[in-house]
Amino acid sequence: MKEVAGDTFQQETKYHRGKLPTGGLDRVKKPELYKRYHNVPVTELDPPLISAGGRIWEIIKNRRSVRSFGGPEITADEISQLLWATQGITVGDRNFVLRAAPSAGALYPIETYLIINRVKGLEPGIYHYEIETHALSQLKSGNFREKGARAALDQVAVETADTVFIWSAVFDRAKWKYKQRAYRYIYMEAGHIAQNLAIAAVELGLGTCQIGALYDDEVNGILGLDGYNESVIYMSSVGRQK
């Protein structure tokens, strides 16, 4: 298959061990955090309702990236809730369904895999989320803490987490309709899914840390993906804080 813009971008922006970008950050050239318009009309807004505005506002306020885990182990029931909140079917029948996170054209190119490290009711190993039946298929058994962390640029949060969500993309599902622009929608969808996970985790008293820094093909190797037709694009560690 001939590679064009999106395909090339996906392959050439992968991280490879020993070939990470080098060079320090030029703090002087760091872009401003906020964009401001001057000499235009400005309308001051009332403060947002948070504490008295409903549970969802408090959840959004409390969402943080958590990198330290070690509290009581999470449970299979909590995993079930998190999976449903990210990609679970919310409405539909055999011919057409909608899921918890939006997807361009309802094509749903994202797949979910889990590294289970310490979850009550589940054996450690690699799992795949079967969305249609809301079930987990165990692909591999064993301890993948160290291997998973190493593939995520040696991030401790992956090694100490109770579980790690890994999202891959089956690119042709979206490219079938959107051609090379599909890559934009795929990355957007992964962001929607990860945010749902983060919000649902707060509601359950759990912490998450979204991870984009990873050696793509090392993670693909753990999951058994070819890295071209289907490749990892995003991760999130999940656990209970100490």
C-alpha atoms as a PDB file:
ATOM      1  CA  MET A   1       0.000   0.000   0.000  1.00  0.00           C
ATOM      2  CA  LYS A   2       1.374   3.408  -0.962  1.00  0.00           C
ATOM      3  CA  GLU A   3       2.041   5.620   2.046  1.00  0.00           C
ATOM      4  CA  VAL A   4       0.783   9.176   1.924  1.00  0.00           C
ATOM      5  CA  ALA A   5       0.607  12.034   4.423  1.00  0.00           C
ATOM      6  CA  GLY A   6      -1.227  10.412   7.334  1.00  0.00           C
ATOM      7  CA  ASP A   7       0.457   7.028   6.985  1.00  0.00           C
ATOM      8  CA  THR A   8       3.880   8.640   6.816  1.00  0.00           C
ATOM      9  CA  PHE A   9       3.188  10.853   9.823  1.00  0.00           C
ATOM     10  CA  GLN A  10       2.086   7.876  11.913  1.00  0.00           C
ATOM     11  CA  GLN A  11       5.206   5.865  11.102  1.00  0.00           C
ATOM     12  CA  GLU A  12       7.790   8.634  11.222  1.00  0.00           C
ATOM     13  CA  THR A  13       6.668  10.081  14.557  1.00  0.00           C
ATOM     14  CA  LYS A  14       7.095   6.800  16.422  1.00  0.00           C
ATOM     15  CA  TYR A  15       9.595   6.715  19.282  1.00  0.00           C
ATOM     16  CA  HIS A  16      12.399   4.163  19.010  1.00  0.00           C
ATOM     17  CA  ARG A  17      14.759   3.209  21.808  1.00  0.00           C
ATOM     18  CA  GLY A  18      18.089   4.980  21.431  1.00  0.00           C
ATOM     19  CA  LYS A  19      16.711   7.397  18.842  1.00  0.00           C
ATOM     20  CA  LEU A  20      14.721   9.870  20.912  1.00  0.00           C
ATOM     21  CA  PRO A  21      14.876  13.558  19.980  1.00  0.00           C
ATOM     22  CA  THR A  22      17.848  15.290  21.601  1.00  0.00           C
ATOM     23  CA  GLY A  23      18.624  18.846  22.655  1.00  0.00           C
ATOM     24  CA  GLY A  24      17.548  20.979  25.591  1.00  0.00           C
ATOM     25  CA  LEU A  25      14.582  23.316  25.829  1.00  0.00           C
ATOM     26  CA  ASP A  26      15.067  26.980  25.023  1.00  0.00           C
ATOM     27  CA  ARG A  27      13.045  28.574  27.828  1.00  0.00           C
ATOM     28  CA  VAL A  28      13.363  32.005  26.257  1.00  0.00           C
ATOM     29  CA  LYS A  29      11.475  30.837  23.179  1.00  0.00           C
ATOM     30  CA  LYS A  30       8.703  29.064  25.080  1.00  0.00           C
ATOM     31  CA  PRO A  31       5.348  30.244  23.650  1.00  0.00           C
ATOM     32  CA  GLU A  32       3.013  32.212  25.898  1.00  0.00           C
ATOM     33  CA  LEU A  33       0.477  30.100  27.772  1.00  0.00           C
ATOM     34  CA  TYR A  34      -2.476  32.409  27.120  1.00  0.00           C
ATOM     35  CA  LYS A  35      -3.626  34.274  24.039  1.00  0.00           C
ATOM     36  CA  ARG A  36      -5.059  37.710  24.774  1.00  0.00           C
ATOM     37  CA  TYR A  37      -6.933  40.217  22.644  1.00  0.00           C
ATOM     38  CA  HIS A  38      -6.523  43.908  23.448  1.00  0.00           C
ATOM     39  CA  ASN A  39      -8.711  46.902  22.677  1.00  0.00           C
ATOM     40  CA  VAL A  40     -11.839  44.795  22.152  1.00  0.00           C
ATOM     41  CA  PRO A  41     -15.065  44.589  24.223  1.00  0.00           C
ATOM     42  CA  VAL A  42     -14.793  42.184  27.177  1.00  0.00           C
ATOM     43  CA  THR A  43     -17.685  40.572  29.091  1.00  0.00           C
ATOM     44  CA  GLU A  44     -16.928  39.397  32.639  1.00  0.00           C
ATOM     45  CA  LEU A  45     -18.574  36.031  33.457  1.00  0.00           C
ATOM     46  CA  ASP A  46     -20.034  34.824  36.724  1.00  0.00           C
ATOM     47  CA  PRO A  47     -17.832  32.275  38.533  1.00  0.00           C
ATOM     48  CA  PRO A  48     -18.634  28.678  37.544  1.00  0.00           C
ATOM     49  CA  LEU A  49     -20.695  26.594  39.949  1.00  0.00           C
ATOM     50  CA  ILE A  50     -18.472  23.851  41.322  1.00  0.00           C
ATOM     51  CA  SER A  51     -19.181  22.820  44.914  1.00  0.00           C
ATOM     52  CA  ALA A  52     -22.930  23.477  44.622  1.00  0.00           C
ATOM     53  CA  GLY A  53     -23.315  22.872  40.919  1.00  0.00           C
ATOM     54  CA  GLY A  54     -23.618  19.082  40.756  1.00  0.00           C
ATOM     55  CA  ARG A  55     -21.225  16.153  41.105  1.00  0.00           C
ATOM     56  CA  ILE A  56     -19.819  16.335  37.566  1.00  0.00           C
ATOM     57  CA  TRP A  57     -18.301  19.788  38.150  1.00  0.00           C
ATOM     58  CA  GLU A  58     -16.536  18.609  41.293  1.00  0.00           C
ATOM     59  CA  ILE A  59     -15.200  15.573  39.436  1.00  0.00           C
ATOM     60  CA  ILE A  60     -13.750  17.737  36.660  1.00  0.00           C
ATOM     61  CA  LYS A  61     -12.200  20.048  39.229  1.00  0.00           C
ATOM     62  CA  ASN A  62     -10.536  17.132  41.028  1.00  0.00           C
ATOM     63  CA  ARG A  63      -9.081  15.414  37.969  1.00  0.00           C
ATOM     64  CA  ARG A  64      -5.289  15.311  38.144  1.00  0.00           C
ATOM     65  CA  SER A  65      -2.522  13.216  36.634  1.00  0.00           C
ATOM     66  CA  VAL A  66      -1.614  10.672  39.314  1.00  0.00           C
ATOM     67  CA  ARG A  67       1.735   8.897  39.149  1.00  0.00           C
ATOM     68  CA  SER A  68       1.945   7.340  42.606  1.00  0.00           C
ATOM     69  CA  PHE A  69      -0.106   4.241  43.346  1.00  0.00           C
ATOM     70  CA  GLY A  70      -0.139   1.721  46.156  1.00  0.00           C
ATOM     71  CA  GLY A  71      -3.503   1.834  47.902  1.00  0.00           C
ATOM     72  CA  PRO A  72      -5.901  -1.107  48.156  1.00  0.00           C
ATOM     73  CA  GLU A  73      -6.129  -3.053  44.903  1.00  0.00           C
ATOM     74  CA  ILE A  74      -8.857  -2.124  42.478  1.00  0.00           C
ATOM     75  CA  THR A  75     -11.536  -4.661  41.601  1.00  0.00           C
ATOM     76  CA  ALA A  76     -12.868  -6.309  38.469  1.00  0.00           C
ATOM     77  CA  ASP A  77     -16.137  -4.424  39.025  1.00  0.00           C
ATOM     78  CA  GLU A  78     -14.267  -1.122  38.910  1.00  0.00           C
ATOM     79  CA  ILE A  79     -12.527  -2.229  35.724  1.00  0.00           C
ATOM     80  CA  SER A  80     -15.963  -2.995  34.280  1.00  0.00           C
ATOM     81  CA  GLN A  81     -17.182   0.514  35.077  1.00  0.00           C
ATOM     82  CA  LEU A  82     -14.072   2.138  33.585  1.00  0.00           C
ATOM     83  CA  LEU A  83     -14.299   0.107  30.380  1.00  0.00           C
ATOM     84  CA  TRP A  84     -17.964   0.972  29.931  1.00  0.00           C
ATOM     85  CA  ALA A  85     -17.260   4.667  30.545  1.00  0.00           C
ATOM     86  CA  THR A  86     -14.569   4.692  27.859  1.00  0.00           C
ATOM     87  CA  GLN A  87     -15.996   2.588  25.042  1.00  0.00           C
ATOM     88  CA  GLY A  88     -19.046   0.811  26.343  1.00  0.00           C
ATOM     89  CA  ILE A  89     -22.186   0.564  24.220  1.00  0.00           C
ATOM     90  CA  THR A  90     -24.738   3.101  25.420  1.00  0.00           C
ATOM     91  CA  VAL A  91     -27.545   2.591  22.918  1.00  0.00           C
ATOM     92  CA  GLY A  92     -28.345   0.591  19.794  1.00  0.00           C
ATOM     93  CA  ASP A  93     -28.982  -2.853  18.385  1.00  0.00           C
ATOM     94  CA  ARG A  94     -27.111  -5.372  16.227  1.00  0.00           C
ATOM     95  CA  ASN A  95     -27.200  -3.073  13.184  1.00  0.00           C
ATOM     96  CA  PHE A  96     -26.082   0.213  14.730  1.00  0.00           C
ATOM     97  CA  VAL A  97     -24.711   1.131  18.130  1.00  0.00           C
ATOM     98  CA  LEU A  98     -23.353   4.204  19.854  1.00  0.00           C
ATOM     99  CA  ARG A  99     -20.667   4.165  22.521  1.00  0.00           C
ATOM    100  CA  ALA A 100     -19.733   6.264  25.524  1.00  0.00           C
ATOM    101  CA  ALA A 101     -17.169   8.352  23.599  1.00  0.00           C
ATOM    102  CA  PRO A 102     -17.818  10.045  20.232  1.00  0.00           C
ATOM    103  CA  SER A 103     -16.326   8.668  17.033  1.00  0.00           C
ATOM    104  CA  ALA A 104     -16.226  10.229  13.570  1.00  0.00           C
ATOM    105  CA  GLY A 105     -18.859   8.496  11.468  1.00  0.00           C
ATOM    106  CA  ALA A 106     -19.457   6.033  14.318  1.00  0.00           C
ATOM    107  CA  LEU A 107     -16.635   3.925  12.845  1.00  0.00           C
ATOM    108  CA  TYR A 108     -14.858   3.307  16.182  1.00  0.00           C
ATOM    109  CA  PRO A 109     -11.278   2.536  15.096  1.00  0.00           C
ATOM    110  CA  ILE A 110      -9.916   2.410  18.662  1.00  0.00           C
ATOM    111  CA  GLU A 111      -9.281  -0.903  20.432  1.00  0.00           C
ATOM    112  CA  THR A 112      -8.646  -1.235  24.184  1.00  0.00           C
ATOM    113  CA  TYR A 113      -6.068  -3.523  25.772  1.00  0.00           C
ATOM    114  CA  LEU A 114      -5.228  -3.834  29.458  1.00  0.00           C
ATOM    115  CA  ILE A 115      -2.105  -4.767  31.318  1.00  0.00           C
ATOM    116  CA  ILE A 116      -3.514  -6.169  34.527  1.00  0.00           C
ATOM    117  CA  ASN A 117      -0.996  -5.893  37.342  1.00  0.00           C
ATOM    118  CA  ARG A 118      -3.091  -6.067  40.500  1.00  0.00           C
ATOM    119  CA  VAL A 119      -6.851  -6.340  40.176  1.00  0.00           C
ATOM    120  CA  LYS A 120      -9.031  -8.379  42.502  1.00  0.00           C
ATOM    121  CA  GLY A 121     -10.772 -11.039  40.434  1.00  0.00           C
ATOM    122  CA  LEU A 122      -8.429 -10.927  37.437  1.00  0.00           C
ATOM    123  CA  GLU A 123      -5.202 -12.838  36.834  1.00  0.00           C
ATOM    124  CA  PRO A 124      -2.201 -10.670  35.904  1.00  0.00           C
ATOM    125  CA  GLY A 125      -1.615 -10.524  32.172  1.00  0.00           C
ATOM    126  CA  ILE A 126      -2.636  -8.886  28.904  1.00  0.00           C
ATOM    127  CA  TYR A 127      -6.335  -8.526  28.083  1.00  0.00           C
ATOM    128  CA  HIS A 128      -8.474  -7.226  25.218  1.00  0.00           C
ATOM    129  CA  TYR A 129     -11.824  -5.517  25.794  1.00  0.00           C
ATOM    130  CA  GLU A 130     -14.585  -7.249  23.828  1.00  0.00           C
ATOM    131  CA  ILE A 131     -16.906  -4.281  23.416  1.00  0.00           C
ATOM    132  CA  GLU A 132     -19.819  -6.095  21.810  1.00  0.00           C
ATOM    133  CA  THR A 133     -20.247  -8.443  24.777  1.00  0.00           C
ATOM    134  CA  HIS A 134     -18.632  -6.259  27.478  1.00  0.00           C
ATOM    135  CA  ALA A 135     -16.082  -8.911  28.375  1.00  0.00           C
ATOM    136  CA  LEU A 136     -12.317  -9.326  28.693  1.00  0.00           C
ATOM    137  CA  SER A 137     -10.318 -11.831  26.664  1.00  0.00           C
ATOM    138  CA  GLN A 138      -7.039 -12.850  28.271  1.00  0.00           C
ATOM    139  CA  LEU A 139      -4.333 -12.855  25.586  1.00  0.00           C
ATOM    140  CA  LYS A 140      -1.317 -13.538  27.806  1.00  0.00           C
ATOM    141  CA  SER A 141      -0.786 -14.406  31.450  1.00  0.00           C
ATOM    142  CA  GLY A 142       2.060 -13.273  33.647  1.00  0.00           C
ATOM    143  CA  ASN A 143       3.731 -10.221  35.134  1.00  0.00           C
ATOM    144  CA  PHE A 144       4.177  -7.410  32.603  1.00  0.00           C
ATOM    145  CA  ARG A 145       4.949  -4.602  35.068  1.00  0.00           C
ATOM    146  CA  GLU A 146       8.594  -4.136  34.142  1.00  0.00           C
ATOM    147  CA  LYS A 147       8.161  -4.792  30.436  1.00  0.00           C
ATOM    148  CA  GLY A 148       5.235  -2.371  30.232  1.00  0.00           C
ATOM    149  CA  ALA A 149       7.089   0.366  32.094  1.00  0.00           C
ATOM    150  CA  ARG A 150      10.197  -0.097  29.967  1.00  0.00           C
ATOM    151  CA  ALA A 151       8.118   0.279  26.807  1.00  0.00           C
ATOM    152  CA  ALA A 152       6.638   3.500  28.220  1.00  0.00           C
ATOM    153  CA  LEU A 153      10.023   5.227  28.455  1.00  0.00           C
ATOM    154  CA  ASP A 154      10.639   3.621  31.876  1.00  0.00           C
ATOM    155  CA  GLN A 155       7.804   5.473  33.601  1.00  0.00           C
ATOM    156  CA  VAL A 156       7.307   4.195  37.137  1.00  0.00           C
ATOM    157  CA  ALA A 157       3.571   4.953  37.012  1.00  0.00           C
ATOM    158  CA  VAL A 158       3.141   2.083  34.542  1.00  0.00           C
ATOM    159  CA  GLU A 159       5.001  -0.358  36.773  1.00  0.00           C
ATOM    160  CA  THR A 160       3.177   0.544  40.000  1.00  0.00           C
ATOM    161  CA  ALA A 161      -0.321   0.960  38.541  1.00  0.00           C
ATOM    162  CA  ASP A 162      -3.004  -1.629  39.228  1.00  0.00           C
ATOM    163  CA  THR A 163      -3.795  -1.661  35.527  1.00  0.00           C
ATOM    164  CA  VAL A 164      -2.705   0.084  32.354  1.00  0.00           C
ATOM    165  CA  PHE A 165      -5.142   0.945  29.594  1.00  0.00           C
ATOM    166  CA  ILE A 166      -3.556   0.783  26.147  1.00  0.00           C
ATOM    167  CA  TRP A 167      -5.403   2.131  23.130  1.00  0.00           C
ATOM    168  CA  SER A 168      -4.548   1.099  19.600  1.00  0.00           C
ATOM    169  CA  ALA A 169      -6.052   2.116  16.279  1.00  0.00           C
ATOM    170  CA  VAL A 170      -7.211  -0.122  13.449  1.00  0.00           C
ATOM    171  CA  PHE A 171      -6.553   2.577  10.877  1.00  0.00           C
ATOM    172  CA  ASP A 172      -8.524   1.152   7.961  1.00  0.00           C
ATOM    173  CA  ARG A 173     -11.792   1.395   9.877  1.00  0.00           C
ATOM    174  CA  ALA A 174     -11.581   5.179   9.677  1.00  0.00           C
ATOM    175  CA  LYS A 175      -9.587   5.451   6.433  1.00  0.00           C
ATOM    176  CA  TRP A 176     -12.332   3.492   4.648  1.00  0.00           C
ATOM    177  CA  LYS A 177     -14.429   6.676   4.776  1.00  0.00           C
ATOM    178  CA  TYR A 178     -12.107   9.553   5.610  1.00  0.00           C
ATOM    179  CA  LYS A 179      -8.932   8.551   3.757  1.00  0.00           C
ATOM    180  CA  GLN A 180      -5.814  10.309   5.106  1.00  0.00           C
ATOM    181  CA  ARG A 181      -7.806  12.767   7.209  1.00  0.00           C
ATOM    182  CA  ALA A 182      -8.837   9.743   9.277  1.00  0.00           C
ATOM    183  CA  TYR A 183      -5.674  10.083  11.346  1.00  0.00           C
ATOM    184  CA  ARG A 184      -6.887  13.409  12.740  1.00  0.00           C
ATOM    185  CA  TYR A 185     -10.147  11.832  13.844  1.00  0.00           C
ATOM    186  CA  ILE A 186      -8.389   8.808  15.317  1.00  0.00           C
ATOM    187  CA  TYR A 187      -6.218  10.954  17.583  1.00  0.00           C
ATOM    188  CA  MET A 188      -9.225  13.028  18.617  1.00  0.00           C
ATOM    189  CA  GLU A 189     -11.180   9.902  19.489  1.00  0.00           C
ATOM    190  CA  ALA A 190      -8.368   8.546  21.630  1.00  0.00           C
ATOM    191  CA  GLY A 191      -8.443  11.833  23.537  1.00  0.00           C
ATOM    192  CA  HIS A 192     -12.199  11.578  24.093  1.00  0.00           C
ATOM    193  CA  ILE A 193     -11.797   8.042  25.423  1.00  0.00           C
ATOM    194  CA  ALA A 194      -8.921   8.920  27.742  1.00  0.00           C
ATOM    195  CA  GLN A 195     -10.812  11.883  29.191  1.00  0.00           C
ATOM    196  CA  ASN A 196     -13.820   9.659  29.889  1.00  0.00           C
ATOM    197  CA  LEU A 197     -11.477   7.297  31.721  1.00  0.00           C
ATOM    198  CA  ALA A 198      -9.984  10.106  33.790  1.00  0.00           C
ATOM    199  CA  ILE A 199     -13.400  11.437  34.817  1.00  0.00           C
ATOM    200  CA  ALA A 200     -14.828   8.002  35.605  1.00  0.00           C
ATOM    201  CA  ALA A 201     -11.750   7.173  37.678  1.00  0.00           C
ATOM    202  CA  VAL A 202     -12.240  10.250  39.865  1.00  0.00           C
ATOM    203  CA  GLU A 203     -15.829   9.177  40.529  1.00  0.00           C
ATOM    204  CA  LEU A 204     -14.518   5.769  41.678  1.00  0.00           C
ATOM    205  CA  GLY A 205     -11.818   7.290  43.882  1.00  0.00           C
ATOM    206  CA  LEU A 206      -9.040   6.217  41.516  1.00  0.00           C
ATOM    207  CA  GLY A 207      -6.217   8.080  39.825  1.00  0.00           C
ATOM    208  CA  THR A 208      -5.017   8.032  36.235  1.00  0.00           C
ATOM    209  CA  CYS A 209      -2.094   9.342  34.257  1.00  0.00           C
ATOM    210  CA  GLN A 210      -2.416   9.655  30.487  1.00  0.00           C
ATOM    211  CA  ILE A 211       0.759   8.643  28.635  1.00  0.00           C
ATOM    212  CA  GLY A 212       1.799   9.482  25.100  1.00  0.00           C
ATOM    213  CA  ALA A 213       5.536   8.958  25.638  1.00  0.00           C
ATOM    214  CA  LEU A 214       6.106   5.361  24.602  1.00  0.00           C
ATOM    215  CA  TYR A 215       8.214   3.228  22.318  1.00  0.00           C
ATOM    216  CA  ASP A 216       5.449   2.432  19.862  1.00  0.00           C
ATOM    217  CA  ASP A 217       6.707  -0.855  18.504  1.00  0.00           C
ATOM    218  CA  GLU A 218       7.795  -2.157  21.909  1.00  0.00           C
ATOM    219  CA  VAL A 219       4.225  -1.699  23.133  1.00  0.00           C
ATOM    220  CA  ASN A 220       2.970  -3.220  19.873  1.00  0.00           C
ATOM    221  CA  GLY A 221       5.207  -6.210  20.557  1.00  0.00           C
ATOM    222  CA  ILE A 222       3.694  -6.721  24.000  1.00  0.00           C
ATOM    223  CA  LEU A 223       0.209  -6.716  22.490  1.00  0.00           C
ATOM    224  CA  GLY A 224       1.098  -8.680  19.347  1.00  0.00           C
ATOM    225  CA  LEU A 225       0.224  -5.859  16.917  1.00  0.00           C
ATOM    226  CA  ASP A 226       1.913  -5.361  13.548  1.00  0.00           C
ATOM    227  CA  GLY A 227       2.429  -1.620  14.100  1.00  0.00           C
ATOM    228  CA  TYR A 228       1.102  -0.702  10.674  1.00  0.00           C
ATOM    229  CA  ASN A 229      -2.459  -1.923  10.179  1.00  0.00           C
ATOM    230  CA  GLU A 230      -2.996  -1.635  13.924  1.00  0.00           C
ATOM    231  CA  SER A 231      -0.717   0.298  16.232  1.00  0.00           C
ATOM    232  CA  VAL A 232      -0.696   1.645  19.772  1.00  0.00           C
ATOM    233  CA  ILE A 233      -1.374   5.379  20.051  1.00  0.00           C
ATOM    234  CA  TYR A 234      -2.068   6.135  23.731  1.00  0.00           C
ATOM    235  CA  MET A 235      -1.885   4.705  27.253  1.00  0.00           C
ATOM    236  CA  SER A 236      -3.134   5.453  30.749  1.00  0.00           C
ATOM    237  CA  SER A 237      -2.037   4.052  34.079  1.00  0.00           C
ATOM    238  CA  VAL A 238      -4.813   3.486  36.628  1.00  0.00           C
ATOM    239  CA  GLY A 239      -4.733   2.731  40.331  1.00  0.00           C
ATOM    240  CA  ARG A 240      -5.619   3.738  43.842  1.00  0.00           C
ATOM    241  CA  GLN A 241      -3.401   6.320  45.435  1.00  0.00           C
ATOM    242  CA  LYS A 242      -1.448   5.590  48.600  1.00  0.00           C
END
